[in-house]
Amino acid sequence: MIPAGYPEAITEAVLRLIRHPGERLRMGTAARAWVIDEFVNGRVLGLTVGFYEKLLEAAAADDTIPLATAAAGD
């Protein structure tokens, strides 16, 4: 990690990656694997569905919000 507010640190990090293509490749491969694991379509879909289910449950528990309005996003 590079601390915020230290432009010298980011400069050094970029230069290091330029000078070390193997490390650059390793980091890129690891980053790609992490994105695939964390954001693969099925997982994102499940998180999205879960989010909306919780919203509907909360709306159903709150009798001041008509469920049809809550489901429509109004």
PDB file of N, CA and C in Angstrom:
ATOM      1  N   MET A   1       0.846  -1.189   0.000  1.00  0.00           N
ATOM      2  CA  MET A   1       0.000   0.000   0.000  1.00  0.00           C
ATOM      3  C   MET A   1       0.882   1.240   0.000  1.00  0.00           C
ATOM      4  N   ILE A   2       0.366   2.252  -0.641  1.00  0.00           N
ATOM      5  CA  ILE A   2       1.078   3.520  -0.719  1.00  0.00           C
ATOM      6  C   ILE A   2       0.280   4.526   0.106  1.00  0.00           C
ATOM      7  N   PRO A   3       0.925   5.167   1.076  1.00  0.00           N
ATOM      8  CA  PRO A   3       0.190   6.123   1.910  1.00  0.00           C
ATOM      9  C   PRO A   3      -0.262   7.340   1.099  1.00  0.00           C
ATOM     10  N   ALA A   4      -1.449   7.819   1.423  1.00  0.00           N
ATOM     11  CA  ALA A   4      -1.977   9.013   0.765  1.00  0.00           C
ATOM     12  C   ALA A   4      -1.122  10.221   1.122  1.00  0.00           C
ATOM     13  N   GLY A   5      -1.007  11.121   0.185  1.00  0.00           N
ATOM     14  CA  GLY A   5      -0.297  12.369   0.444  1.00  0.00           C
ATOM     15  C   GLY A   5       1.213  12.280   0.276  1.00  0.00           C
ATOM     16  N   TYR A   6       1.703  11.189  -0.300  1.00  0.00           N
ATOM     17  CA  TYR A   6       3.140  11.026  -0.503  1.00  0.00           C
ATOM     18  C   TYR A   6       3.425  10.736  -1.978  1.00  0.00           C
ATOM     19  N   PRO A   7       3.460  11.772  -2.810  1.00  0.00           N
ATOM     20  CA  PRO A   7       3.682  11.538  -4.240  1.00  0.00           C
ATOM     21  C   PRO A   7       5.002  10.828  -4.525  1.00  0.00           C
ATOM     22  N   GLU A   8       5.984  11.020  -3.656  1.00  0.00           N
ATOM     23  CA  GLU A   8       7.270  10.336  -3.856  1.00  0.00           C
ATOM     24  C   GLU A   8       7.089   8.824  -3.752  1.00  0.00           C
ATOM     25  N   ALA A   9       6.231   8.394  -2.846  1.00  0.00           N
ATOM     26  CA  ALA A   9       6.002   6.966  -2.645  1.00  0.00           C
ATOM     27  C   ALA A   9       5.364   6.331  -3.872  1.00  0.00           C
ATOM     28  N   ILE A  10       4.393   7.005  -4.472  1.00  0.00           N
ATOM     29  CA  ILE A  10       3.762   6.432  -5.664  1.00  0.00           C
ATOM     30  C   ILE A  10       4.748   6.435  -6.831  1.00  0.00           C
ATOM     31  N   THR A  11       5.578   7.464  -6.907  1.00  0.00           N
ATOM     32  CA  THR A  11       6.602   7.505  -7.951  1.00  0.00           C
ATOM     33  C   THR A  11       7.547   6.324  -7.811  1.00  0.00           C
ATOM     34  N   GLU A  12       7.990   6.059  -6.606  1.00  0.00           N
ATOM     35  CA  GLU A  12       8.889   4.929  -6.357  1.00  0.00           C
ATOM     36  C   GLU A  12       8.210   3.602  -6.684  1.00  0.00           C
ATOM     37  N   ALA A  13       6.939   3.477  -6.337  1.00  0.00           N
ATOM     38  CA  ALA A  13       6.218   2.235  -6.596  1.00  0.00           C
ATOM     39  C   ALA A  13       6.062   1.994  -8.099  1.00  0.00           C
ATOM     40  N   VAL A  14       5.736   3.036  -8.843  1.00  0.00           N
ATOM     41  CA  VAL A  14       5.585   2.898 -10.291  1.00  0.00           C
ATOM     42  C   VAL A  14       6.928   2.547 -10.926  1.00  0.00           C
ATOM     43  N   LEU A  15       7.981   3.219 -10.506  1.00  0.00           N
ATOM     44  CA  LEU A  15       9.310   2.919 -11.045  1.00  0.00           C
ATOM     45  C   LEU A  15       9.722   1.480 -10.726  1.00  0.00           C
ATOM     46  N   ARG A  16       9.376   1.015  -9.551  1.00  0.00           N
ATOM     47  CA  ARG A  16       9.705  -0.365  -9.180  1.00  0.00           C
ATOM     48  C   ARG A  16       9.002  -1.345 -10.117  1.00  0.00           C
ATOM     49  N   LEU A  17       7.734  -1.087 -10.417  1.00  0.00           N
ATOM     50  CA  LEU A  17       6.999  -1.967 -11.312  1.00  0.00           C
ATOM     51  C   LEU A  17       7.554  -1.907 -12.734  1.00  0.00           C
ATOM     52  N   ILE A  18       7.993  -0.742 -13.143  1.00  0.00           N
ATOM     53  CA  ILE A  18       8.609  -0.619 -14.471  1.00  0.00           C
ATOM     54  C   ILE A  18       9.891  -1.439 -14.534  1.00  0.00           C
ATOM     55  N   ARG A  19      10.657  -1.403 -13.470  1.00  0.00           N
ATOM     56  CA  ARG A  19      11.954  -2.091 -13.431  1.00  0.00           C
ATOM     57  C   ARG A  19      11.842  -3.593 -13.183  1.00  0.00           C
ATOM     58  N   HIS A  20      10.711  -4.045 -12.655  1.00  0.00           N
ATOM     59  CA  HIS A  20      10.544  -5.456 -12.293  1.00  0.00           C
ATOM     60  C   HIS A  20       9.312  -6.043 -12.986  1.00  0.00           C
ATOM     61  N   PRO A  21       9.441  -6.412 -14.251  1.00  0.00           N
ATOM     62  CA  PRO A  21       8.274  -6.929 -14.982  1.00  0.00           C
ATOM     63  C   PRO A  21       7.685  -8.203 -14.372  1.00  0.00           C
ATOM     64  N   GLY A  22       8.507  -9.041 -13.744  1.00  0.00           N
ATOM     65  CA  GLY A  22       7.982 -10.249 -13.106  1.00  0.00           C
ATOM     66  C   GLY A  22       7.043  -9.919 -11.960  1.00  0.00           C
ATOM     67  N   GLU A  23       7.427  -8.952 -11.164  1.00  0.00           N
ATOM     68  CA  GLU A  23       6.571  -8.526 -10.051  1.00  0.00           C
ATOM     69  C   GLU A  23       5.290  -7.894 -10.587  1.00  0.00           C
ATOM     70  N   ARG A  24       5.430  -7.111 -11.642  1.00  0.00           N
ATOM     71  CA  ARG A  24       4.271  -6.475 -12.270  1.00  0.00           C
ATOM     72  C   ARG A  24       3.298  -7.548 -12.762  1.00  0.00           C
ATOM     73  N   LEU A  25       3.819  -8.585 -13.412  1.00  0.00           N
ATOM     74  CA  LEU A  25       2.974  -9.669 -13.907  1.00  0.00           C
ATOM     75  C   LEU A  25       2.320 -10.420 -12.747  1.00  0.00           C
ATOM     76  N   ARG A  26       3.079 -10.713 -11.702  1.00  0.00           N
ATOM     77  CA  ARG A  26       2.543 -11.413 -10.531  1.00  0.00           C
ATOM     78  C   ARG A  26       1.415 -10.605  -9.890  1.00  0.00           C
ATOM     79  N   MET A  27       1.627  -9.304  -9.739  1.00  0.00           N
ATOM     80  CA  MET A  27       0.607  -8.456  -9.115  1.00  0.00           C
ATOM     81  C   MET A  27      -0.636  -8.361  -9.999  1.00  0.00           C
ATOM     82  N   GLY A  28      -0.428  -8.238 -11.305  1.00  0.00           N
ATOM     83  CA  GLY A  28      -1.566  -8.169 -12.220  1.00  0.00           C
ATOM     84  C   GLY A  28      -2.379  -9.450 -12.224  1.00  0.00           C
ATOM     85  N   THR A  29      -1.685 -10.579 -12.209  1.00  0.00           N
ATOM     86  CA  THR A  29      -2.360 -11.872 -12.175  1.00  0.00           C
ATOM     87  C   THR A  29      -3.143 -12.034 -10.877  1.00  0.00           C
ATOM     88  N   ALA A  30      -2.535 -11.659  -9.774  1.00  0.00           N
ATOM     89  CA  ALA A  30      -3.217 -11.753  -8.470  1.00  0.00           C
ATOM     90  C   ALA A  30      -4.427 -10.820  -8.424  1.00  0.00           C
ATOM     91  N   ALA A  31      -4.291  -9.632  -8.968  1.00  0.00           N
ATOM     92  CA  ALA A  31      -5.406  -8.675  -8.967  1.00  0.00           C
ATOM     93  C   ALA A  31      -6.563  -9.198  -9.816  1.00  0.00           C
ATOM     94  N   ARG A  32      -6.240  -9.772 -10.962  1.00  0.00           N
ATOM     95  CA  ARG A  32      -7.283 -10.322 -11.832  1.00  0.00           C
ATOM     96  C   ARG A  32      -8.014 -11.465 -11.129  1.00  0.00           C
ATOM     97  N   ALA A  33      -7.271 -12.349 -10.490  1.00  0.00           N
ATOM     98  CA  ALA A  33      -7.883 -13.474  -9.768  1.00  0.00           C
ATOM     99  C   ALA A  33      -8.792 -12.968  -8.654  1.00  0.00           C
ATOM    100  N   TRP A  34      -8.351 -11.935  -7.943  1.00  0.00           N
ATOM    101  CA  TRP A  34      -9.164 -11.375  -6.857  1.00  0.00           C
ATOM    102  C   TRP A  34     -10.472 -10.801  -7.402  1.00  0.00           C
ATOM    103  N   VAL A  35     -10.395 -10.062  -8.509  1.00  0.00           N
ATOM    104  CA  VAL A  35     -11.602  -9.471  -9.097  1.00  0.00           C
ATOM    105  C   VAL A  35     -12.569 -10.564  -9.532  1.00  0.00           C
ATOM    106  N   ILE A  36     -12.042 -11.604 -10.166  1.00  0.00           N
ATOM    107  CA  ILE A  36     -12.909 -12.697 -10.601  1.00  0.00           C
ATOM    108  C   ILE A  36     -13.568 -13.357  -9.395  1.00  0.00           C
ATOM    109  N   ASP A  37     -12.809 -13.617  -8.338  1.00  0.00           N
ATOM    110  CA  ASP A  37     -13.367 -14.245  -7.134  1.00  0.00           C
ATOM    111  C   ASP A  37     -14.411 -13.369  -6.457  1.00  0.00           C
ATOM    112  N   GLU A  38     -14.143 -12.073  -6.390  1.00  0.00           N
ATOM    113  CA  GLU A  38     -15.017 -11.167  -5.645  1.00  0.00           C
ATOM    114  C   GLU A  38     -16.214 -10.662  -6.444  1.00  0.00           C
ATOM    115  N   PHE A  39     -16.064 -10.566  -7.753  1.00  0.00           N
ATOM    116  CA  PHE A  39     -17.091  -9.886  -8.540  1.00  0.00           C
ATOM    117  C   PHE A  39     -17.627 -10.708  -9.704  1.00  0.00           C
ATOM    118  N   VAL A  40     -17.433 -12.026  -9.654  1.00  0.00           N
ATOM    119  CA  VAL A  40     -17.985 -12.878 -10.704  1.00  0.00           C
ATOM    120  C   VAL A  40     -19.503 -12.674 -10.740  1.00  0.00           C
ATOM    121  N   ASN A  41     -20.076 -12.765 -11.918  1.00  0.00           N
ATOM    122  CA  ASN A  41     -21.490 -12.409 -12.107  1.00  0.00           C
ATOM    123  C   ASN A  41     -22.429 -13.072 -11.106  1.00  0.00           C
ATOM    124  N   GLY A  42     -22.254 -14.351 -10.839  1.00  0.00           N
ATOM    125  CA  GLY A  42     -23.147 -15.035  -9.905  1.00  0.00           C
ATOM    126  C   GLY A  42     -23.093 -14.440  -8.515  1.00  0.00           C
ATOM    127  N   ARG A  43     -21.910 -14.084  -8.070  1.00  0.00           N
ATOM    128  CA  ARG A  43     -21.766 -13.512  -6.725  1.00  0.00           C
ATOM    129  C   ARG A  43     -22.407 -12.132  -6.660  1.00  0.00           C
ATOM    130  N   VAL A  44     -22.153 -11.314  -7.667  1.00  0.00           N
ATOM    131  CA  VAL A  44     -22.734  -9.966  -7.698  1.00  0.00           C
ATOM    132  C   VAL A  44     -24.251 -10.061  -7.787  1.00  0.00           C
ATOM    133  N   LEU A  45     -24.736 -10.980  -8.599  1.00  0.00           N
ATOM    134  CA  LEU A  45     -26.184 -11.170  -8.697  1.00  0.00           C
ATOM    135  C   LEU A  45     -26.770 -11.561  -7.348  1.00  0.00           C
ATOM    136  N   GLY A  46     -26.108 -12.485  -6.660  1.00  0.00           N
ATOM    137  CA  GLY A  46     -26.588 -12.901  -5.340  1.00  0.00           C
ATOM    138  C   GLY A  46     -26.600 -11.751  -4.346  1.00  0.00           C
ATOM    139  N   LEU A  47     -25.550 -10.939  -4.364  1.00  0.00           N
ATOM    140  CA  LEU A  47     -25.502  -9.781  -3.464  1.00  0.00           C
ATOM    141  C   LEU A  47     -26.606  -8.790  -3.786  1.00  0.00           C
ATOM    142  N   THR A  48     -26.857  -8.569  -5.068  1.00  0.00           N
ATOM    143  CA  THR A  48     -27.899  -7.625  -5.487  1.00  0.00           C
ATOM    144  C   THR A  48     -29.274  -8.122  -5.079  1.00  0.00           C
ATOM    145  N   VAL A  49     -29.549  -9.390  -5.340  1.00  0.00           N
ATOM    146  CA  VAL A  49     -30.842  -9.965  -4.955  1.00  0.00           C
ATOM    147  C   VAL A  49     -31.014  -9.895  -3.437  1.00  0.00           C
ATOM    148  N   GLY A  50     -29.970 -10.243  -2.700  1.00  0.00           N
ATOM    149  CA  GLY A  50     -30.036 -10.175  -1.240  1.00  0.00           C
ATOM    150  C   GLY A  50     -30.322  -8.774  -0.736  1.00  0.00           C
ATOM    151  N   PHE A  51     -29.702  -7.783  -1.381  1.00  0.00           N
ATOM    152  CA  PHE A  51     -29.920  -6.387  -1.001  1.00  0.00           C
ATOM    153  C   PHE A  51     -31.399  -6.012  -1.176  1.00  0.00           C
ATOM    154  N   TYR A  52     -31.967  -6.348  -2.340  1.00  0.00           N
ATOM    155  CA  TYR A  52     -33.362  -6.000  -2.582  1.00  0.00           C
ATOM    156  C   TYR A  52     -34.308  -6.799  -1.687  1.00  0.00           C
ATOM    157  N   GLU A  53     -33.964  -8.035  -1.373  1.00  0.00           N
ATOM    158  CA  GLU A  53     -34.801  -8.800  -0.448  1.00  0.00           C
ATOM    159  C   GLU A  53     -34.837  -8.141   0.925  1.00  0.00           C
ATOM    160  N   LYS A  54     -33.688  -7.648   1.375  1.00  0.00           N
ATOM    161  CA  LYS A  54     -33.640  -6.958   2.673  1.00  0.00           C
ATOM    162  C   LYS A  54     -34.462  -5.678   2.637  1.00  0.00           C
ATOM    163  N   LEU A  55     -34.399  -4.955   1.517  1.00  0.00           N
ATOM    164  CA  LEU A  55     -35.212  -3.742   1.387  1.00  0.00           C
ATOM    165  C   LEU A  55     -36.698  -4.076   1.468  1.00  0.00           C
ATOM    166  N   LEU A  56     -37.102  -5.132   0.775  1.00  0.00           N
ATOM    167  CA  LEU A  56     -38.513  -5.529   0.813  1.00  0.00           C
ATOM    168  C   LEU A  56     -38.934  -5.992   2.201  1.00  0.00           C
ATOM    169  N   GLU A  57     -38.059  -6.723   2.890  1.00  0.00           N
ATOM    170  CA  GLU A  57     -38.359  -7.157   4.256  1.00  0.00           C
ATOM    171  C   GLU A  57     -38.519  -5.948   5.180  1.00  0.00           C
ATOM    172  N   ALA A  58     -37.644  -4.971   5.023  1.00  0.00           N
ATOM    173  CA  ALA A  58     -37.719  -3.771   5.862  1.00  0.00           C
ATOM    174  C   ALA A  58     -39.001  -3.005   5.570  1.00  0.00           C
ATOM    175  N   ALA A  59     -39.364  -2.926   4.295  1.00  0.00           N
ATOM    176  CA  ALA A  59     -40.593  -2.223   3.934  1.00  0.00           C
ATOM    177  C   ALA A  59     -41.814  -2.956   4.462  1.00  0.00           C
ATOM    178  N   ALA A  60     -41.787  -4.282   4.414  1.00  0.00           N
ATOM    179  CA  ALA A  60     -42.913  -5.067   4.916  1.00  0.00           C
ATOM    180  C   ALA A  60     -43.054  -4.909   6.428  1.00  0.00           C
ATOM    181  N   ALA A  61     -41.954  -4.748   7.118  1.00  0.00           N
ATOM    182  CA  ALA A  61     -41.983  -4.583   8.575  1.00  0.00           C
ATOM    183  C   ALA A  61     -42.425  -3.182   8.977  1.00  0.00           C
ATOM    184  N   ASP A  62     -42.292  -2.227   8.061  1.00  0.00           N
ATOM    185  CA  ASP A  62     -42.667  -0.837   8.348  1.00  0.00           C
ATOM    186  C   ASP A  62     -44.033  -0.584   7.724  1.00  0.00           C
ATOM    187  N   ASP A  63     -45.076  -0.594   8.557  1.00  0.00           N
ATOM    188  CA  ASP A  63     -46.434  -0.463   8.018  1.00  0.00           C
ATOM    189  C   ASP A  63     -46.756   0.940   7.524  1.00  0.00           C
ATOM    190  N   THR A  64     -45.853   1.882   7.631  1.00  0.00           N
ATOM    191  CA  THR A  64     -46.092   3.218   7.096  1.00  0.00           C
ATOM    192  C   THR A  64     -45.663   3.330   5.630  1.00  0.00           C
ATOM    193  N   ILE A  65     -44.978   2.293   5.109  1.00  0.00           N
ATOM    194  CA  ILE A  65     -44.552   2.293   3.711  1.00  0.00           C
ATOM    195  C   ILE A  65     -45.330   1.222   2.975  1.00  0.00           C
ATOM    196  N   PRO A  66     -46.190   1.614   2.018  1.00  0.00           N
ATOM    197  CA  PRO A  66     -46.920   0.592   1.243  1.00  0.00           C
ATOM    198  C   PRO A  66     -45.911  -0.273   0.502  1.00  0.00           C
ATOM    199  N   LEU A  67     -46.074  -1.594   0.558  1.00  0.00           N
ATOM    200  CA  LEU A  67     -45.124  -2.526  -0.021  1.00  0.00           C
ATOM    201  C   LEU A  67     -44.981  -2.312  -1.527  1.00  0.00           C
ATOM    202  N   ALA A  68     -46.057  -2.027  -2.235  1.00  0.00           N
ATOM    203  CA  ALA A  68     -45.963  -1.808  -3.678  1.00  0.00           C
ATOM    204  C   ALA A  68     -45.089  -0.601  -3.972  1.00  0.00           C
ATOM    205  N   THR A  69     -45.184   0.433  -3.167  1.00  0.00           N
ATOM    206  CA  THR A  69     -44.351   1.618  -3.365  1.00  0.00           C
ATOM    207  C   THR A  69     -42.895   1.305  -3.070  1.00  0.00           C
ATOM    208  N   ALA A  70     -42.632   0.563  -2.037  1.00  0.00           N
ATOM    209  CA  ALA A  70     -41.268   0.199  -1.688  1.00  0.00           C
ATOM    210  C   ALA A  70     -40.652  -0.670  -2.767  1.00  0.00           C
ATOM    211  N   ALA A  71     -41.407  -1.593  -3.310  1.00  0.00           N
ATOM    212  CA  ALA A  71     -40.886  -2.479  -4.361  1.00  0.00           C
ATOM    213  C   ALA A  71     -40.624  -1.722  -5.633  1.00  0.00           C
ATOM    214  N   ALA A  72     -41.416  -0.687  -5.908  1.00  0.00           N
ATOM    215  CA  ALA A  72     -41.222   0.104  -7.124  1.00  0.00           C
ATOM    216  C   ALA A  72     -40.083   1.104  -6.986  1.00  0.00           C
ATOM    217  N   GLY A  73     -39.585   1.309  -5.794  1.00  0.00           N
ATOM    218  CA  GLY A  73     -38.485   2.233  -5.580  1.00  0.00           C
ATOM    219  C   GLY A  73     -38.931   3.649  -5.298  1.00  0.00           C
ATOM    220  N   ASP A  74     -40.217   3.850  -5.093  1.00  0.00           N
ATOM    221  CA  ASP A  74     -40.728   5.207  -4.790  1.00  0.00           C
ATOM    222  C   ASP A  74     -40.627   5.517  -3.325  1.00  0.00           C
TER     223      ASP A  74
END
